[in-house]
PDB file of N, CA and C in Angstrom:
ATOM      1  N   MET A   1     -13.249 -30.093  29.716  1.00  0.00           N
ATOM      2  CA  MET A   1     -11.989 -28.932  30.452  1.00  0.00           C
ATOM      3  C   MET A   1     -13.031 -28.921  31.075  1.00  0.00           C
ATOM      4  N   ASN A   2     -12.624 -27.978  32.154  1.00  0.00           N
ATOM      5  CA  ASN A   2     -13.395 -26.778  32.995  1.00  0.00           C
ATOM      6  C   ASN A   2     -12.496 -25.671  32.808  1.00  0.00           C
ATOM      7  N   ILE A   3     -13.519 -24.413  33.516  1.00  0.00           N
ATOM      8  CA  ILE A   3     -13.338 -22.989  32.967  1.00  0.00           C
ATOM      9  C   ILE A   3     -12.377 -22.856  33.561  1.00  0.00           C
ATOM     10  N   GLN A   4     -11.246 -23.056  33.995  1.00  0.00           N
ATOM     11  CA  GLN A   4      -9.989 -21.867  33.982  1.00  0.00           C
ATOM     12  C   GLN A   4      -9.040 -22.687  32.895  1.00  0.00           C
ATOM     13  N   ALA A   5      -9.119 -24.127  32.252  1.00  0.00           N
ATOM     14  CA  ALA A   5      -8.506 -24.297  30.977  1.00  0.00           C
ATOM     15  C   ALA A   5      -8.867 -23.441  29.666  1.00  0.00           C
ATOM     16  N   VAL A   6     -10.794 -23.464  29.778  1.00  0.00           N
ATOM     17  CA  VAL A   6     -11.153 -22.499  28.533  1.00  0.00           C
ATOM     18  C   VAL A   6     -10.304 -20.900  28.843  1.00  0.00           C
ATOM     19  N   ARG A   7     -10.652 -20.512  30.275  1.00  0.00           N
ATOM     20  CA  ARG A   7     -10.215 -18.965  30.355  1.00  0.00           C
ATOM     21  C   ARG A   7      -8.610 -19.298  29.265  1.00  0.00           C
ATOM     22  N   ASN A   8      -7.609 -19.976  29.903  1.00  0.00           N
ATOM     23  CA  ASN A   8      -6.396 -19.781  29.669  1.00  0.00           C
ATOM     24  C   ASN A   8      -6.263 -20.050  28.268  1.00  0.00           C
ATOM     25  N   LEU A   9      -7.280 -20.892  27.649  1.00  0.00           N
ATOM     26  CA  LEU A   9      -7.189 -21.384  26.049  1.00  0.00           C
ATOM     27  C   LEU A   9      -7.693 -20.348  25.410  1.00  0.00           C
ATOM     28  N   MET A  10      -8.726 -19.297  25.797  1.00  0.00           N
ATOM     29  CA  MET A  10      -8.978 -18.077  24.854  1.00  0.00           C
ATOM     30  C   MET A  10      -7.939 -17.013  25.343  1.00  0.00           C
ATOM     31  N   THR A  11      -7.380 -17.221  26.182  1.00  0.00           N
ATOM     32  CA  THR A  11      -6.927 -15.935  26.318  1.00  0.00           C
ATOM     33  C   THR A  11      -5.414 -16.419  25.269  1.00  0.00           C
ATOM     34  N   ILE A  12      -4.574 -17.305  25.429  1.00  0.00           N
ATOM     35  CA  ILE A  12      -3.971 -18.127  24.396  1.00  0.00           C
ATOM     36  C   ILE A  12      -3.630 -17.731  22.936  1.00  0.00           C
ATOM     37  N   SER A  13      -5.713 -17.425  22.749  1.00  0.00           N
ATOM     38  CA  SER A  13      -5.754 -17.344  21.104  1.00  0.00           C
ATOM     39  C   SER A  13      -5.642 -15.714  20.857  1.00  0.00           C
ATOM     40  N   VAL A  14      -6.675 -14.766  22.142  1.00  0.00           N
ATOM     41  CA  VAL A  14      -6.418 -13.618  21.817  1.00  0.00           C
ATOM     42  C   VAL A  14      -4.901 -13.068  21.521  1.00  0.00           C
ATOM     43  N   LEU A  15      -4.214 -13.800  22.554  1.00  0.00           N
ATOM     44  CA  LEU A  15      -3.114 -13.275  22.770  1.00  0.00           C
ATOM     45  C   LEU A  15      -2.072 -13.672  20.798  1.00  0.00           C
ATOM     46  N   ALA A  16      -2.025 -15.039  20.552  1.00  0.00           N
ATOM     47  CA  ALA A  16      -1.854 -15.108  19.215  1.00  0.00           C
ATOM     48  C   ALA A  16      -2.277 -14.109  18.280  1.00  0.00           C
ATOM     49  N   ILE A  17      -3.420 -13.768  18.545  1.00  0.00           N
ATOM     50  CA  ILE A  17      -3.832 -13.374  17.133  1.00  0.00           C
ATOM     51  C   ILE A  17      -3.442 -11.620  17.045  1.00  0.00           C
ATOM     52  N   GLY A  18      -3.264 -11.405  18.093  1.00  0.00           N
ATOM     53  CA  GLY A  18      -3.251 -10.086  18.529  1.00  0.00           C
ATOM     54  C   GLY A  18      -1.534  -9.860  17.765  1.00  0.00           C
ATOM     55  N   LEU A  19      -0.796 -10.888  18.351  1.00  0.00           N
ATOM     56  CA  LEU A  19       0.556 -10.795  18.012  1.00  0.00           C
ATOM     57  C   LEU A  19       0.950 -10.837  16.009  1.00  0.00           C
ATOM     58  N   ALA A  20      -0.061 -12.100  15.968  1.00  0.00           N
ATOM     59  CA  ALA A  20       0.367 -12.647  14.639  1.00  0.00           C
ATOM     60  C   ALA A  20      -0.564 -10.897  13.923  1.00  0.00           C
ATOM     61  N   ALA A  21      -1.579  -9.892  13.596  1.00  0.00           N
ATOM     62  CA  ALA A  21      -1.900  -8.658  13.320  1.00  0.00           C
ATOM     63  C   ALA A  21      -0.803  -8.013  13.508  1.00  0.00           C
ATOM     64  N   CYS A  22      -0.180  -7.918  14.297  1.00  0.00           N
ATOM     65  CA  CYS A  22       1.230  -7.047  14.130  1.00  0.00           C
ATOM     66  C   CYS A  22       2.171  -7.826  13.467  1.00  0.00           C
ATOM     67  N   ALA A  23       2.548  -8.580  13.287  1.00  0.00           N
ATOM     68  CA  ALA A  23       3.328  -9.127  12.561  1.00  0.00           C
ATOM     69  C   ALA A  23       3.281  -9.100  11.164  1.00  0.00           C
ATOM     70  N   GLY A  24       1.984  -8.893  10.728  1.00  0.00           N
ATOM     71  CA  GLY A  24       1.201  -8.520   9.937  1.00  0.00           C
ATOM     72  C   GLY A  24       2.046  -7.462   9.289  1.00  0.00           C
ATOM     73  N   THR A  25       1.873  -6.739   9.696  1.00  0.00           N
ATOM     74  CA  THR A  25       1.992  -4.782   9.019  1.00  0.00           C
ATOM     75  C   THR A  25       2.954  -4.721   8.424  1.00  0.00           C
ATOM     76  N   ASN A  26       2.452  -3.899   7.132  1.00  0.00           N
ATOM     77  CA  ASN A  26       3.419  -3.594   6.307  1.00  0.00           C
ATOM     78  C   ASN A  26       4.697  -2.306   6.687  1.00  0.00           C
ATOM     79  N   THR A  27       5.388  -2.410   6.737  1.00  0.00           N
ATOM     80  CA  THR A  27       6.547  -1.709   7.256  1.00  0.00           C
ATOM     81  C   THR A  27       7.249  -0.181   6.218  1.00  0.00           C
ATOM     82  N   ASN A  28       6.890  -0.850   5.056  1.00  0.00           N
ATOM     83  CA  ASN A  28       7.474   0.098   3.964  1.00  0.00           C
ATOM     84  C   ASN A  28       6.244   0.807   3.832  1.00  0.00           C
ATOM     85  N   PRO A  29       6.505   2.236   3.879  1.00  0.00           N
ATOM     86  CA  PRO A  29       5.121   3.431   3.689  1.00  0.00           C
ATOM     87  C   PRO A  29       5.159   3.419   2.040  1.00  0.00           C
ATOM     88  N   ALA A  30       6.105   3.272   1.405  1.00  0.00           N
ATOM     89  CA  ALA A  30       6.054   3.500   0.092  1.00  0.00           C
ATOM     90  C   ALA A  30       5.254   2.123  -0.843  1.00  0.00           C
ATOM     91  N   LYS A  31       5.329   1.523  -0.062  1.00  0.00           N
ATOM     92  CA  LYS A  31       4.309   0.324  -0.455  1.00  0.00           C
ATOM     93  C   LYS A  31       2.421   0.390  -0.056  1.00  0.00           C
ATOM     94  N   GLN A  32       2.681   1.206   1.115  1.00  0.00           N
ATOM     95  CA  GLN A  32       1.208   1.319   1.793  1.00  0.00           C
ATOM     96  C   GLN A  32       0.687   2.270   0.836  1.00  0.00           C
ATOM     97  N   TYR A  33       1.805   3.031   0.289  1.00  0.00           N
ATOM     98  CA  TYR A  33       0.269   4.003  -0.852  1.00  0.00           C
ATOM     99  C   TYR A  33       0.700   3.713  -2.250  1.00  0.00           C
ATOM    100  N   ASP A  34       1.130   2.365  -2.600  1.00  0.00           N
ATOM    101  CA  ASP A  34       1.349   2.468  -4.270  1.00  0.00           C
ATOM    102  C   ASP A  34       0.267   1.558  -4.409  1.00  0.00           C
ATOM    103  N   VAL A  35      -1.595   2.530  -3.988  1.00  0.00           N
ATOM    104  CA  VAL A  35      -2.490   1.504  -4.225  1.00  0.00           C
ATOM    105  C   VAL A  35      -3.213   2.892  -5.117  1.00  0.00           C
ATOM    106  N   TRP A  36      -3.492   2.734  -6.563  1.00  0.00           N
ATOM    107  CA  TRP A  36      -4.267   4.115  -7.229  1.00  0.00           C
ATOM    108  C   TRP A  36      -5.281   3.519  -7.634  1.00  0.00           C
ATOM    109  N   TYR A  37      -6.639   4.306  -8.026  1.00  0.00           N
ATOM    110  CA  TYR A  37      -7.459   3.897  -8.962  1.00  0.00           C
ATOM    111  C   TYR A  37      -7.887   4.693  -9.449  1.00  0.00           C
ATOM    112  N   ALA A  38      -8.242   4.853 -10.768  1.00  0.00           N
ATOM    113  CA  ALA A  38      -8.950   5.735 -11.690  1.00  0.00           C
ATOM    114  C   ALA A  38     -10.073   5.619 -10.897  1.00  0.00           C
ATOM    115  N   LYS A  39     -10.265   7.186 -11.479  1.00  0.00           N
ATOM    116  CA  LYS A  39     -11.471   7.803 -11.632  1.00  0.00           C
ATOM    117  C   LYS A  39     -12.587   7.203 -12.350  1.00  0.00           C
ATOM    118  N   GLU A  40     -11.838   7.330 -13.741  1.00  0.00           N
ATOM    119  CA  GLU A  40     -13.127   6.614 -14.994  1.00  0.00           C
ATOM    120  C   GLU A  40     -12.769   5.266 -15.291  1.00  0.00           C
ATOM    121  N   ALA A  41     -13.528   4.660 -15.895  1.00  0.00           N
ATOM    122  CA  ALA A  41     -12.635   3.091 -16.319  1.00  0.00           C
ATOM    123  C   ALA A  41     -11.601   3.350 -17.153  1.00  0.00           C
ATOM    124  N   LYS A  42     -10.586   2.284 -16.683  1.00  0.00           N
ATOM    125  CA  LYS A  42      -9.367   2.535 -17.429  1.00  0.00           C
ATOM    126  C   LYS A  42      -9.281   1.098 -17.334  1.00  0.00           C
ATOM    127  N   THR A  43      -8.191   0.238 -18.449  1.00  0.00           N
ATOM    128  CA  THR A  43      -8.021  -0.873 -18.355  1.00  0.00           C
ATOM    129  C   THR A  43      -6.721  -1.139 -17.813  1.00  0.00           C
ATOM    130  N   GLU A  44      -6.177  -2.203 -17.760  1.00  0.00           N
ATOM    131  CA  GLU A  44      -4.622  -2.544 -17.291  1.00  0.00           C
ATOM    132  C   GLU A  44      -3.478  -2.099 -17.853  1.00  0.00           C
ATOM    133  N   ARG A  45      -4.096  -2.527 -18.910  1.00  0.00           N
ATOM    134  CA  ARG A  45      -2.536  -1.600 -19.844  1.00  0.00           C
ATOM    135  C   ARG A  45      -2.470  -0.317 -19.941  1.00  0.00           C
ATOM    136  N   ASP A  46      -3.778   0.542 -19.993  1.00  0.00           N
ATOM    137  CA  ASP A  46      -4.022   1.883 -19.967  1.00  0.00           C
ATOM    138  C   ASP A  46      -2.805   2.568 -18.075  1.00  0.00           C
ATOM    139  N   TYR A  47      -3.360   1.931 -16.937  1.00  0.00           N
ATOM    140  CA  TYR A  47      -2.760   1.885 -16.097  1.00  0.00           C
ATOM    141  C   TYR A  47      -1.014   1.610 -16.433  1.00  0.00           C
ATOM    142  N   LYS A  48      -0.735   0.877 -16.573  1.00  0.00           N
ATOM    143  CA  LYS A  48       0.722   0.378 -16.835  1.00  0.00           C
ATOM    144  C   LYS A  48       1.610   1.304 -17.518  1.00  0.00           C
ATOM    145  N   LEU A  49       0.917   1.903 -18.873  1.00  0.00           N
ATOM    146  CA  LEU A  49       1.006   2.977 -19.487  1.00  0.00           C
ATOM    147  C   LEU A  49       1.118   4.087 -18.675  1.00  0.00           C
ATOM    148  N   ASP A  50       0.315   4.651 -17.959  1.00  0.00           N
ATOM    149  CA  ASP A  50       0.310   5.908 -17.448  1.00  0.00           C
ATOM    150  C   ASP A  50       1.026   5.789 -16.346  1.00  0.00           C
ATOM    151  N   GLN A  51       1.348   5.001 -15.797  1.00  0.00           N
ATOM    152  CA  GLN A  51       2.408   4.353 -14.366  1.00  0.00           C
ATOM    153  C   GLN A  51       3.596   4.750 -15.029  1.00  0.00           C
ATOM    154  N   ALA A  52       4.199   3.785 -16.224  1.00  0.00           N
ATOM    155  CA  ALA A  52       5.867   3.999 -16.773  1.00  0.00           C
ATOM    156  C   ALA A  52       5.688   5.289 -17.177  1.00  0.00           C
ATOM    157  N   GLN A  53       4.586   6.222 -17.789  1.00  0.00           N
ATOM    158  CA  GLN A  53       5.035   7.929 -18.176  1.00  0.00           C
ATOM    159  C   GLN A  53       5.290   8.257 -16.756  1.00  0.00           C
ATOM    160  N   CYS A  54       4.740   8.318 -16.017  1.00  0.00           N
ATOM    161  CA  CYS A  54       4.992   9.092 -14.496  1.00  0.00           C
ATOM    162  C   CYS A  54       6.199   8.924 -13.833  1.00  0.00           C
ATOM    163  N   TYR A  55       6.810   7.424 -14.367  1.00  0.00           N
ATOM    164  CA  TYR A  55       7.892   6.763 -13.657  1.00  0.00           C
ATOM    165  C   TYR A  55       9.034   7.368 -14.061  1.00  0.00           C
ATOM    166  N   GLY A  56       8.649   7.454 -15.625  1.00  0.00           N
ATOM    167  CA  GLY A  56       9.937   8.038 -16.291  1.00  0.00           C
ATOM    168  C   GLY A  56      10.362   9.289 -16.032  1.00  0.00           C
ATOM    169  N   ALA A  57       8.950  10.137 -16.291  1.00  0.00           N
ATOM    170  CA  ALA A  57       9.339  11.311 -15.972  1.00  0.00           C
ATOM    171  C   ALA A  57       9.528  12.249 -14.638  1.00  0.00           C
ATOM    172  N   HIS A  58       9.960  11.050 -14.039  1.00  0.00           N
ATOM    173  CA  HIS A  58      10.244  11.246 -12.244  1.00  0.00           C
ATOM    174  C   HIS A  58      11.580  10.952 -12.080  1.00  0.00           C
ATOM    175  N   ASP A  59      12.269  10.183 -12.664  1.00  0.00           N
ATOM    176  CA  ASP A  59      13.401   9.575 -12.570  1.00  0.00           C
ATOM    177  C   ASP A  59      13.049   8.968 -11.189  1.00  0.00           C
ATOM    178  N   MET A  60      12.188   7.614 -11.414  1.00  0.00           N
ATOM    179  CA  MET A  60      11.360   6.644 -10.683  1.00  0.00           C
ATOM    180  C   MET A  60      11.502   5.551 -11.146  1.00  0.00           C
ATOM    181  N   GLN A  61      12.197   4.421 -10.764  1.00  0.00           N
ATOM    182  CA  GLN A  61      11.921   3.142 -11.103  1.00  0.00           C
ATOM    183  C   GLN A  61      11.078   2.116 -10.626  1.00  0.00           C
ATOM    184  N   ALA A  62      10.022   1.498 -11.238  1.00  0.00           N
ATOM    185  CA  ALA A  62       8.886   0.392 -10.755  1.00  0.00           C
ATOM    186  C   ALA A  62       9.595  -0.449  -9.697  1.00  0.00           C
ATOM    187  N   GLY A  63       8.863  -0.433  -8.450  1.00  0.00           N
ATOM    188  CA  GLY A  63       9.605  -1.542  -7.767  1.00  0.00           C
ATOM    189  C   GLY A  63      10.665  -1.349  -6.809  1.00  0.00           C
ATOM    190  N   ARG A  64      11.360   0.136  -6.984  1.00  0.00           N
ATOM    191  CA  ARG A  64      12.391   0.817  -6.252  1.00  0.00           C
ATOM    192  C   ARG A  64      11.970   1.504  -4.870  1.00  0.00           C
ATOM    193  N   PRO A  65      12.536   1.676  -3.986  1.00  0.00           N
ATOM    194  CA  PRO A  65      11.563   2.413  -2.818  1.00  0.00           C
ATOM    195  C   PRO A  65      12.439   4.240  -3.075  1.00  0.00           C
ATOM    196  N   VAL A  66      11.245   4.512  -2.650  1.00  0.00           N
ATOM    197  CA  VAL A  66      11.398   6.245  -2.272  1.00  0.00           C
ATOM    198  C   VAL A  66      11.152   6.881  -1.780  1.00  0.00           C
ATOM    199  N   ALA A  67      11.598   8.095  -1.544  1.00  0.00           N
ATOM    200  CA  ALA A  67      11.112   8.432  -0.172  1.00  0.00           C
ATOM    201  C   ALA A  67       9.344   9.349  -0.259  1.00  0.00           C
ATOM    202  N   LEU A  68       8.538   8.968   0.347  1.00  0.00           N
ATOM    203  CA  LEU A  68       7.494   9.548   0.098  1.00  0.00           C
ATOM    204  C   LEU A  68       7.504  11.156   0.017  1.00  0.00           C
ATOM    205  N   ASP A  69       8.552  11.744   0.749  1.00  0.00           N
ATOM    206  CA  ASP A  69       8.141  12.802   0.694  1.00  0.00           C
ATOM    207  C   ASP A  69       9.291  14.085  -0.678  1.00  0.00           C
ATOM    208  N   SER A  70       9.863  13.100  -1.166  1.00  0.00           N
ATOM    209  CA  SER A  70      10.448  13.360  -1.551  1.00  0.00           C
ATOM    210  C   SER A  70      10.023  14.094  -3.407  1.00  0.00           C
ATOM    211  N   LEU A  71      10.757  15.318  -3.589  1.00  0.00           N
ATOM    212  CA  LEU A  71      10.436  15.690  -4.866  1.00  0.00           C
ATOM    213  C   LEU A  71       9.625  14.513  -5.910  1.00  0.00           C
ATOM    214  N   SER A  72      10.996  13.584  -5.886  1.00  0.00           N
ATOM    215  CA  SER A  72      10.182  12.799  -7.478  1.00  0.00           C
ATOM    216  C   SER A  72       9.110  11.844  -6.624  1.00  0.00           C
ATOM    217  N   PHE A  73       8.390  11.941  -5.469  1.00  0.00           N
ATOM    218  CA  PHE A  73       7.269  11.075  -5.770  1.00  0.00           C
ATOM    219  C   PHE A  73       5.859  12.184  -5.218  1.00  0.00           C
ATOM    220  N   GLU A  74       6.128  13.373  -5.291  1.00  0.00           N
ATOM    221  CA  GLU A  74       5.820  14.083  -5.261  1.00  0.00           C
ATOM    222  C   GLU A  74       5.106  14.626  -6.953  1.00  0.00           C
ATOM    223  N   GLY A  75       6.247  14.578  -7.567  1.00  0.00           N
ATOM    224  CA  GLY A  75       5.860  14.776  -9.304  1.00  0.00           C
ATOM    225  C   GLY A  75       5.632  13.867  -9.718  1.00  0.00           C
ATOM    226  N   TYR A  76       5.534  12.427  -9.392  1.00  0.00           N
ATOM    227  CA  TYR A  76       5.016  11.417  -9.662  1.00  0.00           C
ATOM    228  C   TYR A  76       3.254  11.392  -9.468  1.00  0.00           C
ATOM    229  N   ARG A  77       3.045  11.207  -7.953  1.00  0.00           N
ATOM    230  CA  ARG A  77       1.944  11.634  -7.914  1.00  0.00           C
ATOM    231  C   ARG A  77       0.927  12.661  -8.124  1.00  0.00           C
ATOM    232  N   ASP A  78       1.601  13.954  -8.578  1.00  0.00           N
ATOM    233  CA  ASP A  78       1.174  14.799  -9.646  1.00  0.00           C
ATOM    234  C   ASP A  78       0.742  14.392 -10.700  1.00  0.00           C
ATOM    235  N   CYS A  79       1.571  13.233 -11.706  1.00  0.00           N
ATOM    236  CA  CYS A  79       1.428  12.700 -12.413  1.00  0.00           C
ATOM    237  C   CYS A  79       0.424  12.082 -13.024  1.00  0.00           C
ATOM    238  N   MET A  80       0.052  11.584 -12.020  1.00  0.00           N
ATOM    239  CA  MET A  80      -0.964  10.449 -11.530  1.00  0.00           C
ATOM    240  C   MET A  80      -2.655  10.868 -11.460  1.00  0.00           C
ATOM    241  N   THR A  81      -2.356  11.572 -10.965  1.00  0.00           N
ATOM    242  CA  THR A  81      -2.994  13.053 -10.760  1.00  0.00           C
ATOM    243  C   THR A  81      -4.340  13.308 -11.065  1.00  0.00           C
ATOM    244  N   THR A  82      -3.409  13.938 -12.148  1.00  0.00           N
ATOM    245  CA  THR A  82      -3.314  14.644 -13.828  1.00  0.00           C
ATOM    246  C   THR A  82      -3.747  13.974 -14.796  1.00  0.00           C
ATOM    247  N   LYS A  83      -3.306  12.275 -14.799  1.00  0.00           N
ATOM    248  CA  LYS A  83      -3.965  11.391 -15.425  1.00  0.00           C
ATOM    249  C   LYS A  83      -5.244  10.987 -15.032  1.00  0.00           C
ATOM    250  N   GLY A  84      -5.727  11.360 -13.793  1.00  0.00           N
ATOM    251  CA  GLY A  84      -7.201  10.621 -13.874  1.00  0.00           C
ATOM    252  C   GLY A  84      -7.366   9.731 -12.874  1.00  0.00           C
ATOM    253  N   TYR A  85      -6.023   9.653 -11.402  1.00  0.00           N
ATOM    254  CA  TYR A  85      -6.318   8.475 -10.735  1.00  0.00           C
ATOM    255  C   TYR A  85      -6.096   9.189  -9.410  1.00  0.00           C
ATOM    256  N   VAL A  86      -6.679   8.066  -8.472  1.00  0.00           N
ATOM    257  CA  VAL A  86      -6.739   8.434  -7.080  1.00  0.00           C
ATOM    258  C   VAL A  86      -5.598   7.986  -6.248  1.00  0.00           C
ATOM    259  N   LEU A  87      -5.015   8.557  -5.426  1.00  0.00           N
ATOM    260  CA  LEU A  87      -4.172   7.676  -4.337  1.00  0.00           C
ATOM    261  C   LEU A  87      -5.365   7.377  -3.411  1.00  0.00           C
ATOM    262  N   ARG A  88      -4.794   5.999  -2.938  1.00  0.00           N
ATOM    263  CA  ARG A  88      -5.866   5.342  -1.647  1.00  0.00           C
ATOM    264  C   ARG A  88      -4.588   5.070  -0.922  1.00  0.00           C
ATOM    265  N   GLN A  89      -4.694   5.640   0.495  1.00  0.00           N
ATOM    266  CA  GLN A  89      -3.725   5.425   1.549  1.00  0.00           C
ATOM    267  C   GLN A  89      -4.244   3.987   2.191  1.00  0.00           C
ATOM    268  N   TYR A  90      -3.662   3.392   2.601  1.00  0.00           N
ATOM    269  CA  TYR A  90      -3.873   1.823   3.657  1.00  0.00           C
ATOM    270  C   TYR A  90      -2.501   1.711   4.630  1.00  0.00           C
TER     271      TYR A  90
END
C-alpha cells in the first residue's frame, strides 16, 4: 500500500468512528438521568422496593417517560434522595 492509500484508510476510519459515536448517543434525557447509586449498601430488592414506593408516591410508572423538569420527577428525585440514593447524570 502506498502512503496516500494509508492516509485515505485512516481518514475513513476516523470518520466512521466519529459517526458511530454520534449515532450511539442516547437522545432521551429521562434515560440519561435514571442511574441511581445507594450511599450505603442496599440489595437489588431494596432498590426496587424504594423505587416503586417513590414512583407510586408521585404518580409515575416505571418505563414511562416523564419530563425532567416536572413536579412528578422532582418529587420522585427527592424521595429517592431521602431514601439514601445519589442521582448520577450521564
